[in-house]
N, C-alpha and C. Protein backbone atom coordinates (compact mmCIF):
# COMPACT_ATOMS: atom_id res chain seq x y z
N UNK A 1 -6.36 20.85 -10.45
CA UNK A 1 -6.81 20.57 -9.11
C UNK A 1 -7.84 19.44 -9.16
N UNK A 2 -7.73 18.52 -8.21
CA UNK A 2 -8.66 17.40 -8.16
C UNK A 2 -10.00 17.82 -7.57
N UNK A 3 -11.05 17.21 -8.09
CA UNK A 3 -12.36 17.43 -7.50
C UNK A 3 -12.41 16.74 -6.14
N UNK A 4 -13.43 17.05 -5.36
CA UNK A 4 -13.56 16.40 -4.06
C UNK A 4 -13.68 14.89 -4.21
N UNK A 5 -14.44 14.43 -5.21
CA UNK A 5 -14.60 12.99 -5.42
C UNK A 5 -13.28 12.34 -5.84
N UNK A 6 -12.53 13.00 -6.73
CA UNK A 6 -11.23 12.47 -7.14
C UNK A 6 -10.26 12.41 -5.96
N UNK A 7 -10.31 13.42 -5.12
CA UNK A 7 -9.46 13.45 -3.92
C UNK A 7 -9.84 12.31 -2.98
N UNK A 8 -11.12 12.07 -2.83
CA UNK A 8 -11.61 10.98 -1.99
C UNK A 8 -11.15 9.62 -2.56
N UNK A 9 -11.23 9.48 -3.87
CA UNK A 9 -10.78 8.24 -4.52
C UNK A 9 -9.27 8.04 -4.36
N UNK A 10 -8.53 9.12 -4.46
CA UNK A 10 -7.07 9.05 -4.27
C UNK A 10 -6.75 8.64 -2.84
N UNK A 11 -7.48 9.19 -1.89
CA UNK A 11 -7.27 8.81 -0.48
C UNK A 11 -7.59 7.33 -0.28
N UNK A 12 -8.64 6.84 -0.92
CA UNK A 12 -8.99 5.42 -0.82
C UNK A 12 -7.89 4.56 -1.42
N UNK A 13 -7.30 5.02 -2.53
CA UNK A 13 -6.20 4.28 -3.14
C UNK A 13 -5.02 4.20 -2.17
N UNK A 14 -4.67 5.31 -1.55
CA UNK A 14 -3.54 5.31 -0.62
C UNK A 14 -3.83 4.39 0.57
N UNK A 15 -5.06 4.38 1.02
CA UNK A 15 -5.44 3.47 2.11
C UNK A 15 -5.22 2.02 1.65
N UNK A 16 -5.70 1.68 0.46
CA UNK A 16 -5.58 0.31 -0.05
C UNK A 16 -4.13 -0.08 -0.34
N UNK A 17 -3.36 0.85 -0.87
CA UNK A 17 -1.95 0.57 -1.13
C UNK A 17 -1.22 0.29 0.17
N UNK A 18 -1.45 1.12 1.17
CA UNK A 18 -0.84 0.90 2.48
C UNK A 18 -1.28 -0.42 3.08
N UNK A 19 -2.54 -0.77 2.86
CA UNK A 19 -3.08 -2.03 3.36
C UNK A 19 -2.33 -3.21 2.75
N UNK A 20 -2.12 -3.18 1.44
CA UNK A 20 -1.39 -4.28 0.81
C UNK A 20 0.06 -4.34 1.27
N UNK A 21 0.69 -3.21 1.41
CA UNK A 21 2.08 -3.21 1.88
C UNK A 21 2.17 -3.77 3.30
N UNK A 22 1.17 -3.45 4.13
CA UNK A 22 1.15 -4.00 5.49
C UNK A 22 0.95 -5.51 5.48
N UNK A 23 0.20 -6.02 4.51
CA UNK A 23 0.02 -7.47 4.40
C UNK A 23 1.37 -8.15 4.14
N UNK A 24 2.19 -7.52 3.33
CA UNK A 24 3.52 -8.08 3.04
C UNK A 24 4.39 -8.11 4.29
N UNK A 25 4.44 -6.99 4.98
CA UNK A 25 5.36 -6.87 6.11
C UNK A 25 4.93 -7.75 7.29
N UNK A 26 3.64 -8.05 7.37
CA UNK A 26 3.14 -8.89 8.46
C UNK A 26 3.42 -10.37 8.25
N UNK A 27 3.76 -10.74 7.02
CA UNK A 27 4.02 -12.14 6.71
C UNK A 27 5.47 -12.47 7.06
N UNK A 28 5.65 -13.12 8.20
CA UNK A 28 7.00 -13.45 8.68
C UNK A 28 7.71 -14.47 7.81
N UNK A 29 6.98 -15.16 6.95
CA UNK A 29 7.59 -16.16 6.08
C UNK A 29 8.22 -15.56 4.83
N UNK A 30 7.90 -14.29 4.55
CA UNK A 30 8.42 -13.62 3.36
C UNK A 30 9.76 -12.95 3.64
N UNK A 31 10.59 -12.95 2.63
CA UNK A 31 11.86 -12.22 2.66
C UNK A 31 11.72 -11.02 1.72
N UNK A 32 12.41 -9.94 1.99
CA UNK A 32 12.29 -8.75 1.14
C UNK A 32 12.48 -9.04 -0.36
N UNK A 33 13.31 -10.01 -0.67
CA UNK A 33 13.55 -10.35 -2.07
C UNK A 33 12.29 -10.86 -2.76
N UNK A 34 11.29 -11.27 -2.00
CA UNK A 34 10.04 -11.79 -2.56
C UNK A 34 8.94 -10.73 -2.69
N UNK A 35 9.17 -9.56 -2.13
CA UNK A 35 8.12 -8.53 -2.10
C UNK A 35 7.65 -8.12 -3.50
N UNK A 36 8.58 -7.81 -4.38
CA UNK A 36 8.18 -7.34 -5.70
C UNK A 36 7.43 -8.40 -6.49
N UNK A 37 7.83 -9.65 -6.33
CA UNK A 37 7.13 -10.74 -7.03
C UNK A 37 5.68 -10.81 -6.56
N UNK A 38 5.46 -10.71 -5.26
CA UNK A 38 4.10 -10.73 -4.75
C UNK A 38 3.33 -9.48 -5.17
N UNK A 39 4.00 -8.34 -5.18
CA UNK A 39 3.33 -7.11 -5.58
C UNK A 39 2.91 -7.12 -7.05
N UNK A 40 3.50 -8.00 -7.85
CA UNK A 40 3.06 -8.14 -9.24
C UNK A 40 1.62 -8.65 -9.32
N UNK A 41 1.14 -9.29 -8.27
CA UNK A 41 -0.24 -9.78 -8.21
C UNK A 41 -1.23 -8.68 -7.85
N UNK A 42 -0.73 -7.56 -7.39
CA UNK A 42 -1.58 -6.50 -6.89
C UNK A 42 -2.49 -5.95 -7.98
N UNK A 43 -3.78 -5.97 -7.73
CA UNK A 43 -4.73 -5.36 -8.66
C UNK A 43 -4.58 -3.84 -8.67
N UNK A 44 -3.88 -3.31 -7.68
CA UNK A 44 -3.57 -1.88 -7.64
C UNK A 44 -2.34 -1.54 -8.48
N UNK A 45 -1.71 -2.57 -9.03
CA UNK A 45 -0.50 -2.43 -9.86
C UNK A 45 0.66 -1.79 -9.10
N UNK A 46 0.81 -2.18 -7.85
CA UNK A 46 1.86 -1.58 -7.02
C UNK A 46 3.26 -1.89 -7.51
N UNK A 47 3.46 -3.05 -8.13
CA UNK A 47 4.79 -3.40 -8.62
C UNK A 47 5.23 -2.49 -9.77
N UNK A 48 4.27 -1.85 -10.41
CA UNK A 48 4.59 -0.96 -11.53
C UNK A 48 4.92 0.46 -11.07
N UNK A 49 4.67 0.76 -9.81
CA UNK A 49 4.94 2.09 -9.28
C UNK A 49 6.45 2.25 -9.08
N UNK A 50 7.01 3.27 -9.71
CA UNK A 50 8.46 3.47 -9.67
C UNK A 50 8.98 3.72 -8.26
N UNK A 51 8.24 4.47 -7.47
CA UNK A 51 8.69 4.75 -6.10
C UNK A 51 8.72 3.46 -5.29
N UNK A 52 7.70 2.66 -5.42
CA UNK A 52 7.63 1.39 -4.67
C UNK A 52 8.75 0.47 -5.12
N UNK A 53 8.88 0.29 -6.42
CA UNK A 53 9.91 -0.61 -6.96
C UNK A 53 11.30 -0.16 -6.53
N UNK A 54 11.60 1.10 -6.70
CA UNK A 54 12.93 1.62 -6.37
C UNK A 54 13.22 1.51 -4.87
N UNK A 55 12.24 1.85 -4.05
CA UNK A 55 12.43 1.78 -2.60
C UNK A 55 12.72 0.35 -2.15
N UNK A 56 11.96 -0.60 -2.69
CA UNK A 56 12.19 -2.00 -2.31
C UNK A 56 13.54 -2.49 -2.82
N UNK A 57 13.85 -2.16 -4.06
CA UNK A 57 15.15 -2.58 -4.62
C UNK A 57 16.31 -2.01 -3.81
N UNK A 58 16.22 -0.73 -3.44
CA UNK A 58 17.27 -0.11 -2.64
C UNK A 58 17.31 -0.69 -1.23
N UNK A 59 16.15 -1.01 -0.68
CA UNK A 59 16.09 -1.63 0.63
C UNK A 59 16.77 -2.99 0.64
N UNK A 60 16.55 -3.74 -0.43
CA UNK A 60 17.18 -5.06 -0.55
C UNK A 60 18.69 -4.91 -0.68
N UNK A 61 19.11 -3.98 -1.55
CA UNK A 61 20.55 -3.77 -1.76
C UNK A 61 21.25 -3.31 -0.49
N UNK A 62 20.55 -2.52 0.31
CA UNK A 62 21.18 -2.01 1.54
C UNK A 62 21.12 -3.04 2.67
N UNK A 63 20.38 -4.12 2.43
CA UNK A 63 20.29 -5.17 3.44
C UNK A 63 19.31 -4.88 4.57
N UNK A 64 18.39 -3.95 4.35
CA UNK A 64 17.43 -3.65 5.43
C UNK A 64 16.49 -4.83 5.65
N UNK A 65 16.14 -5.04 6.89
CA UNK A 65 15.29 -6.18 7.26
C UNK A 65 13.90 -6.11 6.65
N UNK A 66 13.43 -4.90 6.39
CA UNK A 66 12.07 -4.72 5.89
C UNK A 66 12.02 -4.43 4.39
N UNK A 67 13.15 -4.42 3.72
CA UNK A 67 13.17 -4.16 2.29
C UNK A 67 12.59 -2.82 1.90
N UNK A 68 12.60 -1.88 2.82
CA UNK A 68 12.08 -0.55 2.54
C UNK A 68 10.59 -0.39 2.75
N UNK A 69 9.90 -1.45 3.20
CA UNK A 69 8.45 -1.38 3.34
C UNK A 69 7.99 -0.40 4.40
N UNK A 70 8.71 -0.31 5.51
CA UNK A 70 8.28 0.63 6.56
C UNK A 70 8.23 2.06 6.03
N UNK A 71 9.23 2.44 5.26
CA UNK A 71 9.23 3.80 4.72
C UNK A 71 8.11 3.99 3.70
N UNK A 72 7.81 2.96 2.91
CA UNK A 72 6.70 3.06 1.96
C UNK A 72 5.35 3.16 2.67
N UNK A 73 5.18 2.37 3.70
CA UNK A 73 3.93 2.42 4.47
C UNK A 73 3.76 3.80 5.09
N UNK A 74 4.83 4.33 5.64
CA UNK A 74 4.79 5.67 6.23
C UNK A 74 4.46 6.72 5.17
N UNK A 75 5.03 6.59 4.00
CA UNK A 75 4.78 7.53 2.91
C UNK A 75 3.30 7.51 2.51
N UNK A 76 2.76 6.31 2.30
CA UNK A 76 1.36 6.21 1.88
C UNK A 76 0.41 6.68 2.99
N UNK A 77 0.76 6.42 4.23
CA UNK A 77 -0.06 6.92 5.33
C UNK A 77 -0.01 8.45 5.39
N UNK A 78 1.15 9.02 5.12
CA UNK A 78 1.27 10.48 5.10
C UNK A 78 0.41 11.08 3.99
N UNK A 79 0.43 10.47 2.81
CA UNK A 79 -0.42 10.93 1.72
C UNK A 79 -1.89 10.85 2.13
N UNK A 80 -2.26 9.72 2.74
CA UNK A 80 -3.64 9.51 3.16
C UNK A 80 -4.07 10.57 4.18
N UNK A 81 -3.25 10.80 5.20
CA UNK A 81 -3.59 11.79 6.22
C UNK A 81 -3.65 13.21 5.64
N UNK A 82 -2.77 13.51 4.69
CA UNK A 82 -2.80 14.83 4.06
C UNK A 82 -4.12 15.02 3.29
N UNK A 83 -4.53 14.00 2.57
CA UNK A 83 -5.79 14.12 1.85
C UNK A 83 -6.98 14.17 2.79
N UNK A 84 -6.90 13.47 3.91
CA UNK A 84 -7.96 13.56 4.91
C UNK A 84 -8.08 14.99 5.43
N UNK A 85 -6.95 15.66 5.62
CA UNK A 85 -6.97 17.06 6.05
C UNK A 85 -7.66 17.93 5.01
N UNK A 86 -7.32 17.72 3.75
CA UNK A 86 -7.93 18.48 2.66
C UNK A 86 -9.44 18.25 2.62
N UNK A 87 -9.84 17.00 2.81
CA UNK A 87 -11.26 16.63 2.76
C UNK A 87 -12.00 16.93 4.06
N UNK A 88 -11.23 17.30 5.08
CA UNK A 88 -11.80 17.55 6.41
C UNK A 88 -12.57 16.32 6.91
N UNK A 89 -11.88 15.19 6.83
CA UNK A 89 -12.45 13.91 7.27
C UNK A 89 -11.36 13.13 7.98
N UNK A 90 -11.68 11.90 8.37
CA UNK A 90 -10.68 11.07 9.03
C UNK A 90 -10.48 9.77 8.26
N UNK A 91 -9.46 9.04 8.65
CA UNK A 91 -9.11 7.80 7.97
C UNK A 91 -10.25 6.79 8.07
N UNK A 92 -10.94 6.75 9.20
CA UNK A 92 -12.04 5.80 9.36
C UNK A 92 -13.14 6.05 8.33
N UNK A 93 -13.39 7.29 7.99
CA UNK A 93 -14.39 7.60 6.97
C UNK A 93 -13.95 7.12 5.59
N UNK A 94 -12.67 7.25 5.32
CA UNK A 94 -12.15 6.75 4.04
C UNK A 94 -12.24 5.23 4.02
N UNK A 95 -11.83 4.60 5.11
CA UNK A 95 -11.88 3.14 5.19
C UNK A 95 -13.31 2.63 5.04
N UNK A 96 -14.27 3.35 5.56
CA UNK A 96 -15.67 2.93 5.51
C UNK A 96 -16.22 2.91 4.08
N UNK A 97 -15.62 3.66 3.19
CA UNK A 97 -16.11 3.67 1.82
C UNK A 97 -15.54 2.53 0.97
N UNK A 98 -14.63 1.75 1.55
CA UNK A 98 -14.01 0.63 0.83
C UNK A 98 -14.72 -0.66 1.27
N UNK A 99 -15.33 -1.37 0.32
CA UNK A 99 -16.03 -2.60 0.69
C UNK A 99 -15.09 -3.63 1.32
N UNK A 100 -15.57 -4.30 2.35
CA UNK A 100 -14.77 -5.30 3.06
C UNK A 100 -14.30 -6.41 2.12
N UNK A 101 -15.15 -6.82 1.20
CA UNK A 101 -14.75 -7.89 0.28
C UNK A 101 -13.60 -7.46 -0.63
N UNK A 102 -13.52 -6.16 -0.93
CA UNK A 102 -12.40 -5.67 -1.73
C UNK A 102 -11.11 -5.73 -0.92
N UNK A 103 -11.17 -5.33 0.34
CA UNK A 103 -9.99 -5.44 1.21
C UNK A 103 -9.56 -6.89 1.37
N UNK A 104 -10.53 -7.79 1.47
CA UNK A 104 -10.22 -9.22 1.55
C UNK A 104 -9.48 -9.68 0.30
N UNK A 105 -9.94 -9.22 -0.86
CA UNK A 105 -9.27 -9.64 -2.10
C UNK A 105 -7.86 -9.05 -2.18
N UNK A 106 -7.68 -7.82 -1.68
CA UNK A 106 -6.33 -7.24 -1.65
C UNK A 106 -5.41 -8.05 -0.74
N UNK A 107 -5.93 -8.49 0.39
CA UNK A 107 -5.14 -9.32 1.31
C UNK A 107 -4.80 -10.65 0.66
N UNK A 108 -5.76 -11.25 -0.03
CA UNK A 108 -5.53 -12.53 -0.70
C UNK A 108 -4.43 -12.42 -1.76
N UNK A 109 -4.36 -11.29 -2.43
CA UNK A 109 -3.34 -11.10 -3.46
C UNK A 109 -1.93 -11.14 -2.87
N UNK A 110 -1.79 -10.85 -1.59
CA UNK A 110 -0.48 -10.79 -0.96
C UNK A 110 -0.13 -12.06 -0.18
N UNK A 111 -0.98 -13.07 -0.27
CA UNK A 111 -0.69 -14.33 0.41
C UNK A 111 0.27 -15.16 -0.41
N UNK A 112 1.16 -15.84 0.29
CA UNK A 112 2.09 -16.74 -0.39
C UNK A 112 1.38 -18.03 -0.75
N UNK A 113 1.87 -18.67 -1.78
CA UNK A 113 1.31 -19.96 -2.17
C UNK A 113 0.04 -19.87 -2.96
N UNK A 114 -0.36 -18.65 -3.37
CA UNK A 114 -1.60 -18.49 -4.16
C UNK A 114 -1.32 -18.62 -5.63
């Protein structure tokens, strides 16, 4: 069983992972085939996550417009909300513990042309 601090850290990770995935989907210039290449830049090592990699690969193969990102974002948000329930807190409290400059660096990692 995770300690309260470990649970809080896990919730912060899910928030950050969802944040990076949202950065990808918001970029209208990107095609799903480019998602994994950009995720290789992730300091969160999202490209190494088997669920993320498989979901995107299957999304590309099936021809989905989002390359499976919507389902991944939903999954990470569900994990985040579940942990918030366990911690008896809200997403805003989790977000508040993440420094803005760190979120900025996560967003920068998902920019094209970097």
